[in-house]
N, C-alpha and C. Protein backbone atom coordinates (compact mmCIF):
# COMPACT_ATOMS: atom_id res chain seq x y z
N ILE A 1 -13.27 -20.80 11.27
CA ILE A 1 -12.59 -21.66 10.05
C ILE A 1 -11.09 -21.74 10.34
N PHE A 2 -10.61 -20.38 11.11
CA PHE A 2 -9.06 -20.91 11.13
C PHE A 2 -8.89 -22.00 11.96
N GLN A 3 -9.79 -22.41 13.13
CA GLN A 3 -9.46 -23.57 13.73
C GLN A 3 -9.32 -24.66 12.94
N ILE A 4 -9.95 -24.89 11.88
CA ILE A 4 -9.89 -26.25 10.91
C ILE A 4 -8.59 -26.12 10.51
N TYR A 5 -8.22 -24.97 9.90
CA TYR A 5 -7.14 -24.87 9.12
C TYR A 5 -6.06 -24.99 10.09
N LEU A 6 -5.90 -24.50 11.20
CA LEU A 6 -4.58 -24.50 11.86
C LEU A 6 -4.25 -26.02 12.32
N LYS A 7 -5.35 -26.87 12.45
CA LYS A 7 -4.98 -28.05 13.15
C LYS A 7 -4.01 -29.09 12.31
N THR A 8 -4.20 -28.35 10.75
CA THR A 8 -3.27 -29.41 9.89
C THR A 8 -1.68 -28.67 9.96
N ILE A 9 -1.33 -27.37 10.65
CA ILE A 9 -0.07 -26.89 10.65
C ILE A 9 0.63 -27.10 11.99
N LYS A 10 1.87 -27.11 11.89
CA LYS A 10 2.68 -27.32 13.25
C LYS A 10 2.88 -25.97 13.50
N LEU A 11 2.19 -25.58 14.69
CA LEU A 11 2.19 -24.59 15.45
C LEU A 11 3.27 -24.49 16.55
N ASP A 12 3.88 -23.29 16.92
CA ASP A 12 4.44 -22.82 18.18
C ASP A 12 3.44 -22.72 19.54
N ARG A 13 2.39 -22.45 19.26
CA ARG A 13 1.18 -22.45 20.32
C ARG A 13 0.33 -23.17 19.67
N VAL A 14 -0.54 -23.37 20.53
CA VAL A 14 -2.02 -24.02 20.49
C VAL A 14 -2.94 -23.09 19.46
N PRO A 15 -3.64 -23.70 18.78
CA PRO A 15 -4.65 -22.97 17.91
C PRO A 15 -5.41 -22.34 18.17
N SER A 16 -5.73 -22.48 19.24
CA SER A 16 -7.14 -21.18 19.99
C SER A 16 -6.35 -19.99 20.36
N TYR A 17 -4.88 -19.93 20.61
CA TYR A 17 -4.25 -18.72 20.63
C TYR A 17 -4.25 -18.07 19.49
N TYR A 18 -4.06 -18.62 18.51
CA TYR A 18 -4.00 -17.98 17.02
C TYR A 18 -5.37 -17.34 16.37
N SER A 19 -6.47 -18.35 16.33
CA SER A 19 -7.76 -17.88 16.05
C SER A 19 -8.19 -16.32 16.07
N PRO A 20 -8.29 -16.38 17.47
CA PRO A 20 -8.83 -14.83 17.36
C PRO A 20 -8.28 -13.65 16.94
N ARG A 21 -6.62 -13.69 17.12
CA ARG A 21 -6.16 -12.74 16.39
C ARG A 21 -5.99 -12.55 15.12
N LEU A 22 -6.05 -14.01 14.31
CA LEU A 22 -6.16 -13.88 12.81
C LEU A 22 -7.29 -13.40 12.32
N ALA A 23 -8.55 -13.93 13.07
CA ALA A 23 -9.80 -13.47 12.98
C ALA A 23 -9.84 -12.10 12.71
N ALA A 24 -9.26 -11.36 13.64
CA ALA A 24 -9.12 -9.82 13.89
C ALA A 24 -8.32 -8.91 12.65
N LEU A 25 -7.44 -9.96 12.35
CA LEU A 25 -6.53 -9.17 11.07
C LEU A 25 -7.12 -9.50 10.03
N THR A 26 -8.19 -10.28 9.48
CA THR A 26 -8.55 -10.87 8.30
C THR A 26 -9.88 -10.46 8.14
N PRO A 27 -10.38 -9.70 8.29
CA PRO A 27 -12.08 -9.18 8.30
C PRO A 27 -12.70 -9.46 6.90
N GLY A 28 -13.56 -10.00 6.30
CA GLY A 28 -13.94 -10.29 5.25
C GLY A 28 -13.45 -11.32 4.27
N PHE A 29 -12.50 -11.67 5.00
CA PHE A 29 -11.94 -13.19 4.31
C PHE A 29 -12.67 -14.41 3.82
N SER A 30 -12.69 -14.74 2.85
CA SER A 30 -13.61 -15.81 2.55
C SER A 30 -12.73 -17.25 3.05
N GLY A 31 -13.44 -18.25 3.26
CA GLY A 31 -12.79 -19.61 3.54
C GLY A 31 -11.54 -20.13 3.00
N ALA A 32 -11.45 -19.56 1.57
CA ALA A 32 -10.60 -19.72 0.58
C ALA A 32 -9.29 -19.06 0.93
N ASP A 33 -9.66 -17.63 1.16
CA ASP A 33 -8.40 -16.74 1.60
C ASP A 33 -7.70 -17.11 2.99
N ILE A 34 -8.62 -17.92 3.80
CA ILE A 34 -8.19 -18.07 5.20
C ILE A 34 -7.25 -19.26 5.05
N ALA A 35 -7.70 -20.33 4.17
CA ALA A 35 -6.97 -21.41 3.91
C ALA A 35 -5.73 -20.95 3.18
N ASN A 36 -5.75 -19.91 2.36
CA ASN A 36 -4.46 -19.47 1.90
C ASN A 36 -3.34 -18.52 2.61
N VAL A 37 -4.22 -18.28 3.85
CA VAL A 37 -3.23 -17.57 4.91
C VAL A 37 -2.45 -18.65 5.52
N CYS A 38 -3.11 -19.78 5.61
CA CYS A 38 -2.29 -20.66 6.76
C CYS A 38 -1.40 -21.62 5.50
N ASN A 39 -1.34 -21.64 4.55
CA ASN A 39 -0.71 -22.38 3.50
C ASN A 39 0.36 -21.20 3.35
N GLU A 40 0.54 -20.05 3.22
CA GLU A 40 1.29 -19.22 2.88
C GLU A 40 2.39 -19.06 4.27
N ALA A 41 1.67 -19.08 5.63
CA ALA A 41 2.44 -18.81 6.56
C ALA A 41 3.24 -19.94 6.89
N ALA A 42 2.64 -21.20 6.16
CA ALA A 42 3.59 -22.33 6.58
C ALA A 42 4.74 -22.29 5.43
N LEU A 43 4.54 -21.46 4.12
CA LEU A 43 5.60 -21.51 3.41
C LEU A 43 6.60 -20.58 3.78
N PHE A 44 5.97 -19.62 4.28
CA PHE A 44 7.24 -18.78 5.02
C PHE A 44 7.92 -19.03 6.00
N ALA A 45 7.56 -20.19 7.05
CA ALA A 45 8.04 -20.89 7.97
C ALA A 45 9.31 -21.52 7.47
N ALA A 46 8.74 -22.34 6.35
CA ALA A 46 9.66 -23.35 5.23
C ALA A 46 10.71 -22.57 4.74
N ARG A 47 10.30 -21.28 4.38
CA ARG A 47 11.78 -20.84 3.51
C ARG A 47 12.75 -20.39 4.56
N THR A 48 12.41 -20.05 5.71
CA THR A 48 13.30 -19.57 6.87
C THR A 48 13.71 -20.77 7.76
N GLU A 49 13.39 -21.92 7.37
CA GLU A 49 13.73 -23.22 7.76
C GLU A 49 13.51 -23.23 9.20
N GLU A 50 12.10 -22.83 9.76
CA GLU A 50 11.67 -23.05 10.76
C GLU A 50 11.25 -24.25 11.13
N ALA A 51 10.90 -24.43 12.15
CA ALA A 51 10.44 -25.84 12.89
C ALA A 51 8.86 -25.82 13.13
N GLN A 52 8.32 -24.49 13.44
CA GLN A 52 7.04 -24.48 13.70
C GLN A 52 6.81 -23.05 13.06
N VAL A 53 5.35 -22.68 12.78
CA VAL A 53 5.09 -21.18 12.31
C VAL A 53 4.50 -20.66 13.33
N THR A 54 5.09 -19.29 13.31
CA THR A 54 4.68 -18.35 14.47
C THR A 54 3.76 -17.23 13.97
N MET A 55 3.65 -16.31 14.91
CA MET A 55 2.34 -15.22 14.33
C MET A 55 3.11 -14.28 13.34
N ASP A 56 4.58 -14.12 13.56
CA ASP A 56 5.24 -13.37 12.30
C ASP A 56 5.07 -13.98 11.01
N ASP A 57 5.14 -15.10 10.75
CA ASP A 57 4.77 -15.97 9.67
C ASP A 57 3.47 -15.69 9.07
N PHE A 58 2.40 -15.57 10.11
CA PHE A 58 1.11 -15.53 9.83
C PHE A 58 0.98 -14.11 9.35
N GLU A 59 1.75 -12.94 9.96
CA GLU A 59 1.35 -11.47 9.82
C GLU A 59 2.00 -11.37 8.26
N ALA A 60 3.05 -12.03 7.76
CA ALA A 60 3.80 -11.85 6.60
C ALA A 60 2.87 -12.46 5.89
N ALA A 61 2.21 -13.71 5.65
CA ALA A 61 1.36 -14.18 4.86
C ALA A 61 -0.04 -13.25 4.58
N ILE A 62 -0.36 -12.40 5.64
CA ILE A 62 -1.67 -11.78 5.53
C ILE A 62 -0.99 -10.80 4.53
N ASP A 63 -0.07 -10.07 4.73
CA ASP A 63 0.70 -9.09 3.91
C ASP A 63 0.63 -9.19 2.75
N ARG A 64 1.24 -10.58 2.44
CA ARG A 64 1.43 -10.98 0.93
C ARG A 64 0.17 -11.18 0.30
N ILE A 65 -0.99 -11.76 1.02
CA ILE A 65 -2.19 -11.98 0.45
C ILE A 65 -2.91 -10.60 0.07
N ILE A 66 -2.80 -9.99 1.05
CA ILE A 66 -3.57 -8.46 0.70
C ILE A 66 -2.63 -7.51 -0.18
N GLY A 67 -1.47 -7.20 -0.30
CA GLY A 67 -0.62 -6.62 -1.04
C GLY A 67 0.24 -7.15 -2.29
N GLY A 68 0.11 -8.46 -2.34
CA GLY A 68 0.51 -9.16 -3.62
C GLY A 68 1.92 -9.54 -3.12
N LEU A 69 2.46 -10.18 -4.33
CA LEU A 69 4.08 -10.35 -4.14
C LEU A 69 4.76 -9.30 -3.84
N GLU A 70 6.06 -9.02 -3.32
CA GLU A 70 7.06 -7.77 -3.20
C GLU A 70 7.85 -7.97 -4.31
N LYS A 71 7.88 -6.88 -4.78
CA LYS A 71 8.45 -6.61 -6.26
C LYS A 71 10.06 -6.13 -5.80
N LYS A 72 10.73 -7.05 -5.95
CA LYS A 72 12.24 -6.50 -5.30
C LYS A 72 12.76 -5.60 -6.62
N ASN A 73 12.71 -5.89 -7.88
CA ASN A 73 13.19 -5.27 -9.18
C ASN A 73 12.72 -4.15 -9.58
N MET A 74 11.89 -3.47 -8.76
CA MET A 74 11.19 -2.30 -8.89
C MET A 74 11.89 -1.08 -8.68
N VAL A 75 12.99 -0.98 -9.09
CA VAL A 75 13.86 0.14 -8.95
C VAL A 75 13.65 1.32 -9.60
N ILE A 76 13.45 2.33 -9.33
CA ILE A 76 12.73 3.67 -9.88
C ILE A 76 13.84 4.84 -9.63
N SER A 77 14.04 5.73 -10.62
CA SER A 77 14.79 6.87 -10.59
C SER A 77 14.19 7.94 -9.55
N LYS A 78 15.07 9.03 -9.26
CA LYS A 78 14.71 9.94 -8.40
C LYS A 78 13.50 10.72 -9.07
N LEU A 79 13.98 10.82 -10.41
CA LEU A 79 12.59 11.82 -11.60
C LEU A 79 11.76 11.03 -11.38
N GLN A 80 11.68 9.43 -11.54
CA GLN A 80 10.60 9.12 -11.78
C GLN A 80 9.51 9.11 -10.37
N ARG A 81 10.34 8.95 -9.31
CA ARG A 81 9.56 8.82 -7.78
C ARG A 81 8.84 10.49 -7.84
N ARG A 82 9.75 11.61 -8.24
CA ARG A 82 9.33 12.90 -8.03
C ARG A 82 8.08 13.03 -9.26
N THR A 83 8.20 12.37 -10.09
CA THR A 83 6.77 12.55 -11.26
C THR A 83 5.62 11.76 -10.74
N VAL A 84 5.79 10.64 -10.03
CA VAL A 84 4.73 9.61 -9.17
C VAL A 84 4.34 10.51 -8.32
N ALA A 85 5.11 11.11 -7.39
CA ALA A 85 4.63 12.04 -6.27
C ALA A 85 3.48 13.12 -6.57
N TYR A 86 3.98 13.79 -7.82
CA TYR A 86 3.25 14.99 -8.33
C TYR A 86 2.01 14.56 -8.85
N HIS A 87 2.09 13.34 -9.55
CA HIS A 87 0.81 12.55 -9.98
C HIS A 87 -0.15 12.36 -8.98
N GLU A 88 0.37 11.53 -8.06
CA GLU A 88 -0.52 11.26 -6.70
C GLU A 88 -0.72 12.50 -5.69
N ALA A 89 -0.19 13.49 -5.77
CA ALA A 89 -0.47 14.87 -5.33
C ALA A 89 -1.69 15.18 -6.13
N GLY A 90 -1.70 15.29 -7.29
CA GLY A 90 -2.87 15.97 -8.00
C GLY A 90 -4.08 14.86 -7.49
N HIS A 91 -4.20 13.57 -7.62
CA HIS A 91 -5.41 13.12 -7.15
C HIS A 91 -5.89 13.15 -5.69
N ALA A 92 -4.78 13.68 -4.91
CA ALA A 92 -5.26 13.99 -3.58
C ALA A 92 -5.91 15.63 -3.62
N VAL A 93 -5.70 16.39 -4.52
CA VAL A 93 -5.82 17.83 -4.43
C VAL A 93 -7.51 17.75 -5.62
N ALA A 94 -7.34 16.81 -6.36
CA ALA A 94 -8.56 16.49 -7.20
C ALA A 94 -9.95 16.14 -6.18
């Protein structure tokens, strides 16, 4: 499936270089997820004004799809961090 979607993207290497690597990084992804990875990688490259999509762009896209959007405004105080740490430790003990 990656071979199909990679043909439409301007890459710094041939699509056959990326396909096995991306397949190993995305086990269980559906066709729509794979298309989303390719589109996000192209967006990452465009945001950094790169002429071609690289493996770093694909890795960032996979992280974004798996983990969601990066929350830059989520600043918490030391007290809140400590409270969350105790809460999570409680989960680990239980």
